[in-house]
Amino acid sequence: MTTPRRAPSLWPPSFSAAIFDFDGTLAETWSIWRKVDEIFFATRGLPFDASASTTLATLGFAAGAQWCVERYRLRDEVSDIVDEWNRLGAALYENDVRLRPGAEGYIRHLRSRGVRCALATTNDPHVLGAMRHVDVDALFDEVVCGREVARGKDHPDIYLEAARRLGAAPEECVVFEDILAGTLSAARAGMTTVAVRSTDPRQPANELRGAADLWLDGWEHLAG
């Protein structure tokens, strides 16, 4: 006999573990990565491809670099592109990135109630570690980066790895995401999903509302 699933909620006991995306979900960084992408294309004499940014956000660094090499027939080595993105991203993240209002308070409140929390991001540890205003290691019980799993967020690998490190079954986890591919992947893994509105104009809000169990406009009222 299967145990009935609890009704979705933003508070325990609906879940015992929480998994958070970073870019867009906890920090409004889309304009930073847009700048990185613009520099990347400009230095290669290519017209800026706005659609590429969405793909790269899903794939992560190494797979995204490989995709760029194949799509634009570049002569660059994948590792060199990854290093370039890391260098540019870290320089911009160092002083410019802060958590969205209320986000840190919500995470700390969950942890005070015994909920273990993980960060699951396609971002790179080098970029995350460059931030002066956000200490992800202090805020989260576990941090899983895209290079630590085999596939991007169009597959559930990173969410399942985060759940494994938290010691939680998928059905005990809630995932907070701002991208559609990640939301769908987490749902396929059996996790409760919360789609978070971002300021990225490319975010497919209507599709996300339909795909996720819950929709969140912002963190301000959840600080507890």
N, C-alpha and C. Protein backbone atom coordinates (compact mmCIF):
# COMPACT_ATOMS: atom_id res chain seq x y z
N MET A 1 0.85 -1.20 0.00
CA MET A 1 0.00 0.00 0.00
C MET A 1 0.88 1.25 0.00
N THR A 2 0.66 2.14 -0.93
CA THR A 2 1.46 3.35 -1.02
C THR A 2 0.95 4.41 -0.06
N THR A 3 1.88 5.23 0.45
CA THR A 3 1.51 6.31 1.36
C THR A 3 1.01 7.51 0.56
N PRO A 4 -0.14 8.07 0.86
CA PRO A 4 -0.65 9.23 0.11
C PRO A 4 0.32 10.40 0.21
N ARG A 5 0.49 11.09 -0.89
CA ARG A 5 1.39 12.25 -0.90
C ARG A 5 0.72 13.43 -0.21
N ARG A 6 1.51 14.12 0.63
CA ARG A 6 0.98 15.29 1.31
C ARG A 6 0.66 16.40 0.31
N ALA A 7 -0.33 17.20 0.66
CA ALA A 7 -0.65 18.34 -0.20
C ALA A 7 0.54 19.29 -0.24
N PRO A 8 0.86 19.84 -1.43
CA PRO A 8 2.02 20.74 -1.54
C PRO A 8 1.91 21.93 -0.61
N SER A 9 3.02 22.28 -0.02
CA SER A 9 3.09 23.42 0.89
C SER A 9 4.51 23.96 0.87
N LEU A 10 4.66 25.22 1.24
CA LEU A 10 5.98 25.83 1.32
C LEU A 10 6.63 25.63 2.68
N TRP A 11 5.97 24.85 3.54
CA TRP A 11 6.50 24.62 4.88
C TRP A 11 6.42 23.15 5.24
N PRO A 12 7.36 22.68 6.09
CA PRO A 12 7.23 21.31 6.62
C PRO A 12 5.99 21.24 7.50
N PRO A 13 5.39 20.04 7.64
CA PRO A 13 5.93 18.73 7.29
C PRO A 13 5.66 18.28 5.87
N SER A 14 5.28 19.17 4.97
CA SER A 14 5.05 18.78 3.58
C SER A 14 6.31 18.20 2.95
N PHE A 15 7.49 18.60 3.46
CA PHE A 15 8.77 18.07 2.96
C PHE A 15 9.78 18.08 4.09
N SER A 16 10.80 17.26 3.96
CA SER A 16 11.86 17.20 4.98
C SER A 16 13.20 17.66 4.43
N ALA A 17 13.27 17.91 3.12
CA ALA A 17 14.50 18.39 2.50
C ALA A 17 14.13 19.37 1.39
N ALA A 18 14.95 20.41 1.23
CA ALA A 18 14.68 21.45 0.23
C ALA A 18 15.91 21.62 -0.67
N ILE A 19 15.66 21.71 -1.96
CA ILE A 19 16.73 21.84 -2.95
C ILE A 19 16.47 23.13 -3.74
N PHE A 20 17.47 24.00 -3.78
CA PHE A 20 17.32 25.31 -4.39
C PHE A 20 18.25 25.48 -5.59
N ASP A 21 17.72 25.99 -6.68
CA ASP A 21 18.52 26.52 -7.76
C ASP A 21 19.08 27.87 -7.29
N PHE A 22 20.14 28.35 -7.95
CA PHE A 22 20.71 29.64 -7.54
C PHE A 22 20.33 30.76 -8.50
N ASP A 23 20.82 30.70 -9.74
CA ASP A 23 20.64 31.80 -10.69
C ASP A 23 19.17 31.98 -11.05
N GLY A 24 18.66 33.17 -10.82
CA GLY A 24 17.26 33.46 -11.10
C GLY A 24 16.36 33.14 -9.94
N THR A 25 16.59 32.01 -9.28
CA THR A 25 15.74 31.58 -8.18
C THR A 25 16.09 32.31 -6.89
N LEU A 26 17.35 32.25 -6.49
CA LEU A 26 17.79 32.90 -5.25
C LEU A 26 18.48 34.23 -5.50
N ALA A 27 19.03 34.42 -6.68
CA ALA A 27 19.73 35.67 -7.02
C ALA A 27 19.40 36.04 -8.45
N GLU A 28 19.12 37.31 -8.67
CA GLU A 28 18.78 37.77 -10.02
C GLU A 28 20.07 38.03 -10.80
N THR A 29 20.52 37.02 -11.53
CA THR A 29 21.83 37.08 -12.19
C THR A 29 21.74 37.00 -13.71
N TRP A 30 20.53 37.01 -14.26
CA TRP A 30 20.42 36.78 -15.70
C TRP A 30 21.16 37.85 -16.50
N SER A 31 21.16 39.09 -16.01
CA SER A 31 21.83 40.16 -16.75
C SER A 31 23.35 39.97 -16.73
N ILE A 32 23.87 39.38 -15.66
CA ILE A 32 25.31 39.09 -15.60
C ILE A 32 25.69 38.07 -16.65
N TRP A 33 24.92 36.98 -16.72
CA TRP A 33 25.26 35.94 -17.71
C TRP A 33 24.97 36.41 -19.12
N ARG A 34 24.02 37.31 -19.28
CA ARG A 34 23.81 37.92 -20.60
C ARG A 34 25.07 38.69 -21.01
N LYS A 35 25.67 39.40 -20.08
CA LYS A 35 26.89 40.15 -20.37
C LYS A 35 28.03 39.19 -20.75
N VAL A 36 28.13 38.08 -19.99
CA VAL A 36 29.16 37.08 -20.30
C VAL A 36 28.95 36.53 -21.72
N ASP A 37 27.71 36.22 -22.05
CA ASP A 37 27.41 35.68 -23.38
C ASP A 37 27.72 36.70 -24.47
N GLU A 38 27.39 37.95 -24.23
CA GLU A 38 27.67 39.00 -25.22
C GLU A 38 29.17 39.12 -25.47
N ILE A 39 29.95 39.07 -24.41
CA ILE A 39 31.41 39.15 -24.56
C ILE A 39 31.92 37.93 -25.32
N PHE A 40 31.39 36.77 -24.97
CA PHE A 40 31.80 35.51 -25.61
C PHE A 40 31.58 35.56 -27.12
N PHE A 41 30.41 36.00 -27.54
CA PHE A 41 30.11 36.06 -28.97
C PHE A 41 30.93 37.16 -29.66
N ALA A 42 31.03 38.31 -29.02
CA ALA A 42 31.73 39.44 -29.63
C ALA A 42 33.20 39.13 -29.89
N THR A 43 33.84 38.45 -28.93
CA THR A 43 35.27 38.15 -29.10
C THR A 43 35.53 37.14 -30.21
N ARG A 44 34.48 36.48 -30.69
CA ARG A 44 34.61 35.52 -31.78
C ARG A 44 34.02 36.03 -33.08
N GLY A 45 33.62 37.30 -33.07
CA GLY A 45 33.07 37.91 -34.27
C GLY A 45 31.74 37.34 -34.67
N LEU A 46 30.98 36.83 -33.70
CA LEU A 46 29.68 36.24 -33.98
C LEU A 46 28.57 37.17 -33.52
N PRO A 47 27.45 37.20 -34.23
CA PRO A 47 26.30 37.97 -33.74
C PRO A 47 25.76 37.34 -32.46
N PHE A 48 25.32 38.16 -31.53
CA PHE A 48 24.81 37.64 -30.27
C PHE A 48 23.56 36.79 -30.51
N ASP A 49 23.54 35.60 -29.94
CA ASP A 49 22.41 34.67 -30.07
C ASP A 49 21.69 34.60 -28.73
N ALA A 50 20.61 35.37 -28.60
CA ALA A 50 19.90 35.44 -27.32
C ALA A 50 19.33 34.08 -26.90
N SER A 51 18.95 33.26 -27.87
CA SER A 51 18.36 31.96 -27.53
C SER A 51 19.37 31.03 -26.89
N ALA A 52 20.66 31.27 -27.13
CA ALA A 52 21.69 30.39 -26.58
C ALA A 52 21.72 30.45 -25.05
N SER A 53 21.40 31.61 -24.48
CA SER A 53 21.49 31.76 -23.03
C SER A 53 20.60 30.78 -22.29
N THR A 54 19.40 30.55 -22.80
CA THR A 54 18.48 29.62 -22.16
C THR A 54 19.04 28.20 -22.20
N THR A 55 19.59 27.83 -23.35
CA THR A 55 20.19 26.50 -23.49
C THR A 55 21.36 26.33 -22.54
N LEU A 56 22.22 27.33 -22.45
CA LEU A 56 23.40 27.24 -21.61
C LEU A 56 23.03 27.17 -20.13
N ALA A 57 21.97 27.85 -19.73
CA ALA A 57 21.53 27.80 -18.33
C ALA A 57 21.08 26.40 -17.94
N THR A 58 20.58 25.65 -18.91
CA THR A 58 20.13 24.29 -18.66
C THR A 58 21.29 23.30 -18.67
N LEU A 59 22.22 23.46 -19.63
CA LEU A 59 23.29 22.49 -19.82
C LEU A 59 24.42 22.60 -18.81
N GLY A 60 24.71 23.81 -18.36
CA GLY A 60 25.86 23.99 -17.50
C GLY A 60 27.12 24.27 -18.30
N PHE A 61 28.26 24.33 -17.63
CA PHE A 61 29.47 24.84 -18.25
C PHE A 61 30.07 23.91 -19.30
N ALA A 62 30.44 22.70 -18.92
CA ALA A 62 31.15 21.81 -19.85
C ALA A 62 30.26 21.40 -21.03
N ALA A 63 29.03 20.95 -20.72
CA ALA A 63 28.13 20.56 -21.79
C ALA A 63 27.73 21.76 -22.64
N GLY A 64 27.61 22.93 -22.00
CA GLY A 64 27.29 24.15 -22.75
C GLY A 64 28.41 24.56 -23.67
N ALA A 65 29.65 24.42 -23.20
CA ALA A 65 30.80 24.75 -24.04
C ALA A 65 30.88 23.81 -25.23
N GLN A 66 30.63 22.53 -24.99
CA GLN A 66 30.62 21.56 -26.10
C GLN A 66 29.53 21.89 -27.10
N TRP A 67 28.38 22.28 -26.60
CA TRP A 67 27.26 22.66 -27.48
C TRP A 67 27.65 23.86 -28.34
N CYS A 68 28.33 24.85 -27.75
CA CYS A 68 28.76 26.03 -28.50
C CYS A 68 29.77 25.67 -29.58
N VAL A 69 30.71 24.78 -29.24
CA VAL A 69 31.72 24.36 -30.22
C VAL A 69 31.05 23.74 -31.43
N GLU A 70 30.05 22.88 -31.18
CA GLU A 70 29.38 22.18 -32.27
C GLU A 70 28.43 23.11 -33.04
N ARG A 71 27.67 23.92 -32.31
CA ARG A 71 26.67 24.77 -32.98
C ARG A 71 27.31 25.86 -33.82
N TYR A 72 28.38 26.48 -33.29
CA TYR A 72 28.98 27.62 -33.98
C TYR A 72 30.30 27.27 -34.68
N ARG A 73 30.62 25.96 -34.68
CA ARG A 73 31.81 25.45 -35.37
C ARG A 73 33.07 26.19 -34.92
N LEU A 74 33.22 26.25 -33.62
CA LEU A 74 34.35 26.96 -33.04
C LEU A 74 35.59 26.06 -33.00
N ARG A 75 36.73 26.68 -33.00
CA ARG A 75 37.99 25.94 -32.89
C ARG A 75 38.49 25.89 -31.46
N ASP A 76 37.77 26.53 -30.56
CA ASP A 76 38.16 26.55 -29.15
C ASP A 76 38.10 25.16 -28.54
N GLU A 77 38.96 24.92 -27.56
CA GLU A 77 38.85 23.74 -26.72
C GLU A 77 37.74 23.98 -25.69
N VAL A 78 37.00 22.93 -25.39
CA VAL A 78 35.92 23.04 -24.41
C VAL A 78 36.44 23.57 -23.08
N SER A 79 37.59 23.06 -22.64
CA SER A 79 38.15 23.48 -21.36
C SER A 79 38.51 24.96 -21.36
N ASP A 80 38.94 25.48 -22.52
CA ASP A 80 39.28 26.90 -22.60
C ASP A 80 38.03 27.77 -22.50
N ILE A 81 36.94 27.33 -23.10
CA ILE A 81 35.69 28.07 -23.01
C ILE A 81 35.19 28.08 -21.57
N VAL A 82 35.25 26.93 -20.91
CA VAL A 82 34.83 26.85 -19.50
C VAL A 82 35.66 27.79 -18.64
N ASP A 83 36.97 27.81 -18.87
CA ASP A 83 37.84 28.71 -18.10
C ASP A 83 37.48 30.17 -18.36
N GLU A 84 37.15 30.48 -19.61
CA GLU A 84 36.77 31.86 -19.96
C GLU A 84 35.49 32.26 -19.25
N TRP A 85 34.50 31.39 -19.27
CA TRP A 85 33.24 31.69 -18.60
C TRP A 85 33.44 31.82 -17.09
N ASN A 86 34.27 30.95 -16.54
CA ASN A 86 34.56 31.04 -15.10
C ASN A 86 35.21 32.37 -14.75
N ARG A 87 36.16 32.77 -15.56
CA ARG A 87 36.89 34.02 -15.29
C ARG A 87 35.96 35.22 -15.38
N LEU A 88 35.17 35.28 -16.44
CA LEU A 88 34.25 36.39 -16.62
C LEU A 88 33.16 36.38 -15.54
N GLY A 89 32.59 35.22 -15.28
CA GLY A 89 31.53 35.11 -14.29
C GLY A 89 32.01 35.49 -12.90
N ALA A 90 33.19 34.99 -12.52
CA ALA A 90 33.72 35.28 -11.19
C ALA A 90 33.97 36.76 -11.00
N ALA A 91 34.47 37.41 -12.04
CA ALA A 91 34.76 38.85 -11.94
C ALA A 91 33.48 39.64 -11.71
N LEU A 92 32.39 39.23 -12.34
CA LEU A 92 31.13 39.94 -12.19
C LEU A 92 30.37 39.55 -10.92
N TYR A 93 30.51 38.29 -10.51
CA TYR A 93 29.83 37.82 -9.31
C TYR A 93 30.44 38.39 -8.04
N GLU A 94 31.72 38.70 -8.07
CA GLU A 94 32.45 39.07 -6.86
C GLU A 94 31.73 40.14 -6.05
N ASN A 95 31.35 41.21 -6.70
CA ASN A 95 30.74 42.33 -5.97
C ASN A 95 29.27 42.57 -6.30
N ASP A 96 28.79 41.99 -7.40
CA ASP A 96 27.47 42.37 -7.91
C ASP A 96 26.33 41.45 -7.50
N VAL A 97 26.62 40.29 -6.93
CA VAL A 97 25.55 39.33 -6.66
C VAL A 97 25.17 39.32 -5.18
N ARG A 98 23.88 39.46 -4.95
CA ARG A 98 23.29 39.34 -3.60
C ARG A 98 22.04 38.47 -3.71
N LEU A 99 21.67 37.86 -2.62
CA LEU A 99 20.45 37.06 -2.60
C LEU A 99 19.23 37.97 -2.70
N ARG A 100 18.17 37.44 -3.30
CA ARG A 100 16.92 38.18 -3.38
C ARG A 100 16.36 38.40 -1.97
N PRO A 101 15.65 39.52 -1.76
CA PRO A 101 15.11 39.83 -0.42
C PRO A 101 14.26 38.68 0.12
N GLY A 102 14.55 38.27 1.32
CA GLY A 102 13.79 37.22 1.99
C GLY A 102 14.29 35.81 1.77
N ALA A 103 15.14 35.59 0.77
CA ALA A 103 15.58 34.23 0.45
C ALA A 103 16.40 33.62 1.57
N GLU A 104 17.38 34.36 2.08
CA GLU A 104 18.22 33.81 3.14
C GLU A 104 17.40 33.54 4.40
N GLY A 105 16.49 34.45 4.72
CA GLY A 105 15.67 34.25 5.90
C GLY A 105 14.82 32.99 5.81
N TYR A 106 14.28 32.72 4.63
CA TYR A 106 13.46 31.52 4.43
C TYR A 106 14.30 30.26 4.61
N ILE A 107 15.49 30.23 3.98
CA ILE A 107 16.35 29.05 4.09
C ILE A 107 16.75 28.81 5.55
N ARG A 108 17.13 29.87 6.23
CA ARG A 108 17.54 29.71 7.63
C ARG A 108 16.37 29.27 8.50
N HIS A 109 15.17 29.74 8.18
CA HIS A 109 14.00 29.33 8.95
C HIS A 109 13.72 27.85 8.72
N LEU A 110 13.85 27.38 7.48
CA LEU A 110 13.66 25.95 7.22
C LEU A 110 14.66 25.12 8.01
N ARG A 111 15.91 25.55 8.00
CA ARG A 111 16.94 24.78 8.70
C ARG A 111 16.70 24.78 10.21
N SER A 112 16.14 25.87 10.72
CA SER A 112 15.84 25.92 12.16
C SER A 112 14.73 24.95 12.53
N ARG A 113 13.95 24.54 11.52
CA ARG A 113 12.87 23.59 11.75
C ARG A 113 13.28 22.17 11.36
N GLY A 114 14.57 21.97 11.17
CA GLY A 114 15.08 20.62 10.90
C GLY A 114 15.09 20.20 9.46
N VAL A 115 14.78 21.12 8.54
CA VAL A 115 14.80 20.80 7.11
C VAL A 115 16.23 20.97 6.58
N ARG A 116 16.78 19.91 6.00
CA ARG A 116 18.10 20.01 5.40
C ARG A 116 17.97 20.64 4.02
N CYS A 117 18.90 21.53 3.69
CA CYS A 117 18.80 22.32 2.46
C CYS A 117 20.05 22.15 1.59
N ALA A 118 19.82 22.03 0.29
CA ALA A 118 20.92 21.88 -0.66
C ALA A 118 20.79 22.90 -1.78
N LEU A 119 21.92 23.31 -2.32
CA LEU A 119 21.96 24.12 -3.52
C LEU A 119 22.28 23.20 -4.68
N ALA A 120 21.49 23.28 -5.75
CA ALA A 120 21.72 22.47 -6.95
C ALA A 120 21.80 23.43 -8.13
N THR A 121 23.02 23.71 -8.60
CA THR A 121 23.22 24.76 -9.59
C THR A 121 24.15 24.31 -10.71
N THR A 122 23.85 24.75 -11.92
CA THR A 122 24.77 24.48 -13.03
C THR A 122 26.00 25.37 -12.95
N ASN A 123 25.98 26.33 -12.02
CA ASN A 123 27.10 27.22 -11.85
C ASN A 123 28.33 26.44 -11.39
N ASP A 124 29.48 27.10 -11.44
CA ASP A 124 30.74 26.45 -11.10
C ASP A 124 31.20 26.88 -9.71
N PRO A 125 31.86 25.99 -8.96
CA PRO A 125 32.34 26.36 -7.63
C PRO A 125 33.24 27.59 -7.63
N HIS A 126 34.02 27.77 -8.70
CA HIS A 126 34.91 28.92 -8.79
C HIS A 126 34.11 30.23 -8.80
N VAL A 127 33.01 30.24 -9.52
CA VAL A 127 32.17 31.43 -9.59
C VAL A 127 31.45 31.65 -8.27
N LEU A 128 30.88 30.60 -7.70
CA LEU A 128 30.18 30.72 -6.43
C LEU A 128 31.12 31.20 -5.33
N GLY A 129 32.34 30.70 -5.35
CA GLY A 129 33.30 31.07 -4.31
C GLY A 129 33.81 32.49 -4.42
N ALA A 130 33.59 33.12 -5.57
CA ALA A 130 34.07 34.50 -5.76
C ALA A 130 33.17 35.53 -5.10
N MET A 131 31.95 35.14 -4.72
CA MET A 131 30.99 36.12 -4.21
C MET A 131 31.38 36.64 -2.83
N ARG A 132 31.36 37.93 -2.68
CA ARG A 132 31.67 38.56 -1.40
C ARG A 132 30.44 38.64 -0.49
N HIS A 133 29.25 38.66 -1.09
CA HIS A 133 28.04 38.93 -0.31
C HIS A 133 27.19 37.69 -0.07
N VAL A 134 27.59 36.55 -0.60
CA VAL A 134 26.83 35.31 -0.41
C VAL A 134 27.81 34.18 -0.10
N ASP A 135 27.60 33.52 1.04
CA ASP A 135 28.43 32.38 1.44
C ASP A 135 27.58 31.12 1.35
N VAL A 136 27.63 30.46 0.21
CA VAL A 136 26.74 29.31 0.00
C VAL A 136 27.09 28.14 0.92
N ASP A 137 28.36 27.99 1.25
CA ASP A 137 28.75 26.88 2.13
C ASP A 137 28.18 27.06 3.54
N ALA A 138 28.05 28.30 3.98
CA ALA A 138 27.49 28.55 5.30
C ALA A 138 25.96 28.44 5.30
N LEU A 139 25.36 28.70 4.16
CA LEU A 139 23.90 28.75 4.08
C LEU A 139 23.26 27.38 3.84
N PHE A 140 24.00 26.50 3.16
CA PHE A 140 23.42 25.21 2.76
C PHE A 140 24.15 24.04 3.42
N ASP A 141 23.39 22.97 3.66
CA ASP A 141 24.00 21.73 4.16
C ASP A 141 24.84 21.06 3.08
N GLU A 142 24.40 21.16 1.84
CA GLU A 142 25.12 20.55 0.72
C GLU A 142 25.06 21.49 -0.48
N VAL A 143 26.12 21.47 -1.30
CA VAL A 143 26.16 22.24 -2.55
C VAL A 143 26.55 21.29 -3.67
N VAL A 144 25.69 21.17 -4.68
CA VAL A 144 25.96 20.32 -5.83
C VAL A 144 26.05 21.19 -7.07
N CYS A 145 27.17 21.14 -7.77
CA CYS A 145 27.37 21.93 -8.98
C CYS A 145 27.24 21.04 -10.21
N GLY A 146 26.92 21.67 -11.33
CA GLY A 146 26.65 20.94 -12.55
C GLY A 146 27.76 20.02 -13.00
N ARG A 147 29.01 20.38 -12.76
CA ARG A 147 30.12 19.55 -13.22
C ARG A 147 30.25 18.27 -12.41
N GLU A 148 29.50 18.14 -11.32
CA GLU A 148 29.57 16.95 -10.48
C GLU A 148 28.60 15.86 -10.91
N VAL A 149 27.76 16.13 -11.89
CA VAL A 149 26.81 15.13 -12.38
C VAL A 149 26.97 14.99 -13.89
N ALA A 150 26.41 13.91 -14.42
CA ALA A 150 26.66 13.57 -15.82
C ALA A 150 25.90 14.43 -16.81
N ARG A 151 24.71 14.89 -16.43
CA ARG A 151 23.86 15.58 -17.40
C ARG A 151 23.31 16.88 -16.82
N GLY A 152 22.80 17.75 -17.71
CA GLY A 152 22.27 19.04 -17.31
C GLY A 152 20.90 18.93 -16.69
N LYS A 153 20.29 20.09 -16.47
CA LYS A 153 19.02 20.13 -15.76
C LYS A 153 17.82 19.68 -16.60
N ASP A 154 18.08 19.35 -17.85
CA ASP A 154 17.02 18.71 -18.62
C ASP A 154 16.90 17.23 -18.24
N HIS A 155 17.72 16.79 -17.31
CA HIS A 155 17.64 15.46 -16.69
C HIS A 155 17.66 15.68 -15.17
N PRO A 156 17.17 14.72 -14.40
CA PRO A 156 17.05 14.92 -12.95
C PRO A 156 18.31 14.66 -12.15
N ASP A 157 19.44 14.40 -12.81
CA ASP A 157 20.66 13.96 -12.11
C ASP A 157 21.04 14.85 -10.93
N ILE A 158 21.05 16.16 -11.15
CA ILE A 158 21.54 17.06 -10.10
C ILE A 158 20.61 17.10 -8.90
N TYR A 159 19.32 16.96 -9.13
CA TYR A 159 18.36 16.96 -8.03
C TYR A 159 18.44 15.64 -7.24
N LEU A 160 18.61 14.55 -7.97
CA LEU A 160 18.75 13.26 -7.30
C LEU A 160 20.04 13.18 -6.50
N GLU A 161 21.11 13.76 -7.01
CA GLU A 161 22.37 13.78 -6.27
C GLU A 161 22.23 14.65 -5.02
N ALA A 162 21.55 15.78 -5.14
CA ALA A 162 21.31 16.63 -3.97
C ALA A 162 20.50 15.88 -2.92
N ALA A 163 19.46 15.18 -3.35
CA ALA A 163 18.64 14.40 -2.42
C ALA A 163 19.47 13.32 -1.74
N ARG A 164 20.32 12.65 -2.52
CA ARG A 164 21.18 11.60 -1.96
C ARG A 164 22.08 12.17 -0.87
N ARG A 165 22.69 13.32 -1.14
CA ARG A 165 23.60 13.91 -0.15
C ARG A 165 22.85 14.38 1.09
N LEU A 166 21.60 14.77 0.90
CA LEU A 166 20.79 15.20 2.05
C LEU A 166 20.22 14.02 2.84
N GLY A 167 20.35 12.82 2.27
CA GLY A 167 19.80 11.65 2.92
C GLY A 167 18.30 11.58 2.85
N ALA A 168 17.73 12.10 1.76
CA ALA A 168 16.27 12.17 1.61
C ALA A 168 15.81 11.43 0.36
N ALA A 169 14.68 10.80 0.44
CA ALA A 169 14.06 10.20 -0.74
C ALA A 169 13.47 11.31 -1.61
N PRO A 170 13.38 11.09 -2.93
CA PRO A 170 12.83 12.14 -3.80
C PRO A 170 11.47 12.67 -3.35
N GLU A 171 10.61 11.78 -2.89
CA GLU A 171 9.26 12.23 -2.50
C GLU A 171 9.27 13.05 -1.22
N GLU A 172 10.39 13.11 -0.53
CA GLU A 172 10.51 13.93 0.68
C GLU A 172 11.07 15.32 0.37
N CYS A 173 11.40 15.58 -0.91
CA CYS A 173 12.09 16.81 -1.29
C CYS A 173 11.18 17.80 -2.01
N VAL A 174 11.46 19.07 -1.79
CA VAL A 174 10.86 20.13 -2.59
C VAL A 174 11.98 20.83 -3.34
N VAL A 175 11.73 21.14 -4.60
CA VAL A 175 12.73 21.79 -5.46
C VAL A 175 12.22 23.16 -5.88
N PHE A 176 13.06 24.18 -5.68
CA PHE A 176 12.74 25.55 -6.08
C PHE A 176 13.54 25.88 -7.33
N GLU A 177 12.86 26.20 -8.42
CA GLU A 177 13.50 26.45 -9.72
C GLU A 177 12.84 27.60 -10.45
N ASP A 178 13.61 28.23 -11.34
CA ASP A 178 13.03 29.28 -12.18
C ASP A 178 13.04 28.91 -13.65
N ILE A 179 13.60 27.73 -14.00
CA ILE A 179 13.61 27.32 -15.40
C ILE A 179 12.69 26.13 -15.60
N LEU A 180 12.10 26.06 -16.78
CA LEU A 180 11.11 25.02 -17.07
C LEU A 180 11.74 23.64 -17.12
N ALA A 181 12.89 23.52 -17.78
CA ALA A 181 13.52 22.20 -17.91
C ALA A 181 13.82 21.59 -16.55
N GLY A 182 14.34 22.40 -15.64
CA GLY A 182 14.65 21.90 -14.31
C GLY A 182 13.41 21.52 -13.53
N THR A 183 12.37 22.33 -13.63
CA THR A 183 11.11 22.03 -12.95
C THR A 183 10.53 20.71 -13.42
N LEU A 184 10.55 20.48 -14.73
CA LEU A 184 10.02 19.24 -15.28
C LEU A 184 10.86 18.04 -14.86
N SER A 185 12.18 18.21 -14.84
CA SER A 185 13.06 17.11 -14.44
C SER A 185 12.84 16.71 -12.99
N ALA A 186 12.76 17.72 -12.12
CA ALA A 186 12.53 17.44 -10.70
C ALA A 186 11.19 16.74 -10.49
N ALA A 187 10.19 17.17 -11.24
CA ALA A 187 8.87 16.53 -11.12
C ALA A 187 8.93 15.08 -11.58
N ARG A 188 9.68 14.80 -12.65
CA ARG A 188 9.81 13.43 -13.13
C ARG A 188 10.51 12.55 -12.09
N ALA A 189 11.36 13.16 -11.28
CA ALA A 189 12.06 12.41 -10.24
C ALA A 189 11.18 12.15 -9.03
N GLY A 190 9.96 12.69 -9.03
CA GLY A 190 9.03 12.47 -7.93
C GLY A 190 9.09 13.51 -6.84
N MET A 191 9.72 14.65 -7.11
CA MET A 191 9.86 15.70 -6.12
C MET A 191 8.75 16.75 -6.27
N THR A 192 8.37 17.38 -5.17
CA THR A 192 7.46 18.52 -5.23
C THR A 192 8.22 19.69 -5.86
N THR A 193 7.58 20.44 -6.73
CA THR A 193 8.26 21.53 -7.42
C THR A 193 7.59 22.87 -7.14
N VAL A 194 8.44 23.88 -6.93
CA VAL A 194 7.98 25.25 -6.75
C VAL A 194 8.68 26.10 -7.80
N ALA A 195 7.90 26.67 -8.70
CA ALA A 195 8.46 27.57 -9.72
C ALA A 195 8.53 28.97 -9.14
N VAL A 196 9.68 29.62 -9.29
CA VAL A 196 9.92 30.93 -8.71
C VAL A 196 10.02 31.98 -9.81
N ARG A 197 9.22 33.02 -9.70
CA ARG A 197 9.28 34.08 -10.69
C ARG A 197 10.62 34.80 -10.62
N SER A 198 11.21 35.06 -11.77
CA SER A 198 12.44 35.84 -11.84
C SER A 198 12.20 37.07 -12.70
N THR A 199 13.19 37.95 -12.75
CA THR A 199 13.07 39.14 -13.59
C THR A 199 13.56 38.89 -15.02
N ASP A 200 14.01 37.67 -15.29
CA ASP A 200 14.48 37.33 -16.63
C ASP A 200 13.31 37.40 -17.60
N PRO A 201 13.36 38.28 -18.59
CA PRO A 201 12.22 38.43 -19.50
C PRO A 201 11.96 37.19 -20.35
N ARG A 202 12.90 36.27 -20.38
CA ARG A 202 12.72 35.06 -21.18
C ARG A 202 12.00 33.95 -20.40
N GLN A 203 11.76 34.17 -19.12
CA GLN A 203 11.14 33.11 -18.32
C GLN A 203 9.72 32.81 -18.82
N PRO A 204 9.40 31.55 -19.11
CA PRO A 204 8.06 31.19 -19.58
C PRO A 204 7.10 31.01 -18.40
N ALA A 205 6.65 32.10 -17.84
CA ALA A 205 5.90 32.06 -16.59
C ALA A 205 4.64 31.20 -16.69
N ASN A 206 3.90 31.31 -17.75
CA ASN A 206 2.66 30.55 -17.85
C ASN A 206 2.93 29.04 -17.90
N GLU A 207 3.95 28.64 -18.65
CA GLU A 207 4.30 27.22 -18.71
C GLU A 207 4.79 26.72 -17.35
N LEU A 208 5.56 27.54 -16.67
CA LEU A 208 6.05 27.15 -15.35
C LEU A 208 4.92 26.99 -14.36
N ARG A 209 3.97 27.90 -14.39
CA ARG A 209 2.81 27.79 -13.49
C ARG A 209 2.08 26.47 -13.72
N GLY A 210 1.96 26.08 -14.97
CA GLY A 210 1.27 24.84 -15.29
C GLY A 210 2.06 23.60 -14.92
N ALA A 211 3.39 23.70 -14.96
CA ALA A 211 4.24 22.53 -14.72
C ALA A 211 4.50 22.27 -13.25
N ALA A 212 4.56 23.34 -12.44
CA ALA A 212 4.97 23.21 -11.04
C ALA A 212 3.79 22.94 -10.12
N ASP A 213 4.09 22.37 -8.97
CA ASP A 213 3.06 22.14 -7.95
C ASP A 213 2.63 23.45 -7.31
N LEU A 214 3.60 24.38 -7.15
CA LEU A 214 3.33 25.68 -6.53
C LEU A 214 4.06 26.77 -7.30
N TRP A 215 3.57 27.98 -7.19
CA TRP A 215 4.18 29.15 -7.83
C TRP A 215 4.52 30.17 -6.75
N LEU A 216 5.72 30.76 -6.88
CA LEU A 216 6.18 31.73 -5.88
C LEU A 216 6.62 33.01 -6.58
N ASP A 217 5.97 34.12 -6.22
CA ASP A 217 6.32 35.41 -6.82
C ASP A 217 7.60 36.00 -6.24
N GLY A 218 7.91 35.70 -5.00
CA GLY A 218 9.10 36.24 -4.34
C GLY A 218 9.24 35.64 -2.96
N TRP A 219 10.34 35.96 -2.29
CA TRP A 219 10.67 35.36 -1.01
C TRP A 219 10.31 36.22 0.20
N GLU A 220 9.94 37.47 -0.05
CA GLU A 220 9.83 38.44 1.04
C GLU A 220 8.94 38.00 2.19
N HIS A 221 7.78 37.42 1.87
CA HIS A 221 6.82 37.09 2.91
C HIS A 221 7.08 35.72 3.55
N LEU A 222 8.19 35.05 3.15
CA LEU A 222 8.48 33.72 3.67
C LEU A 222 9.61 33.69 4.68
N ALA A 223 10.16 34.87 4.99
CA ALA A 223 11.33 34.90 5.86
C ALA A 223 11.05 34.29 7.24
N GLY A 224 9.82 34.36 7.68
CA GLY A 224 9.42 33.72 8.94
C GLY A 224 9.85 34.49 10.18
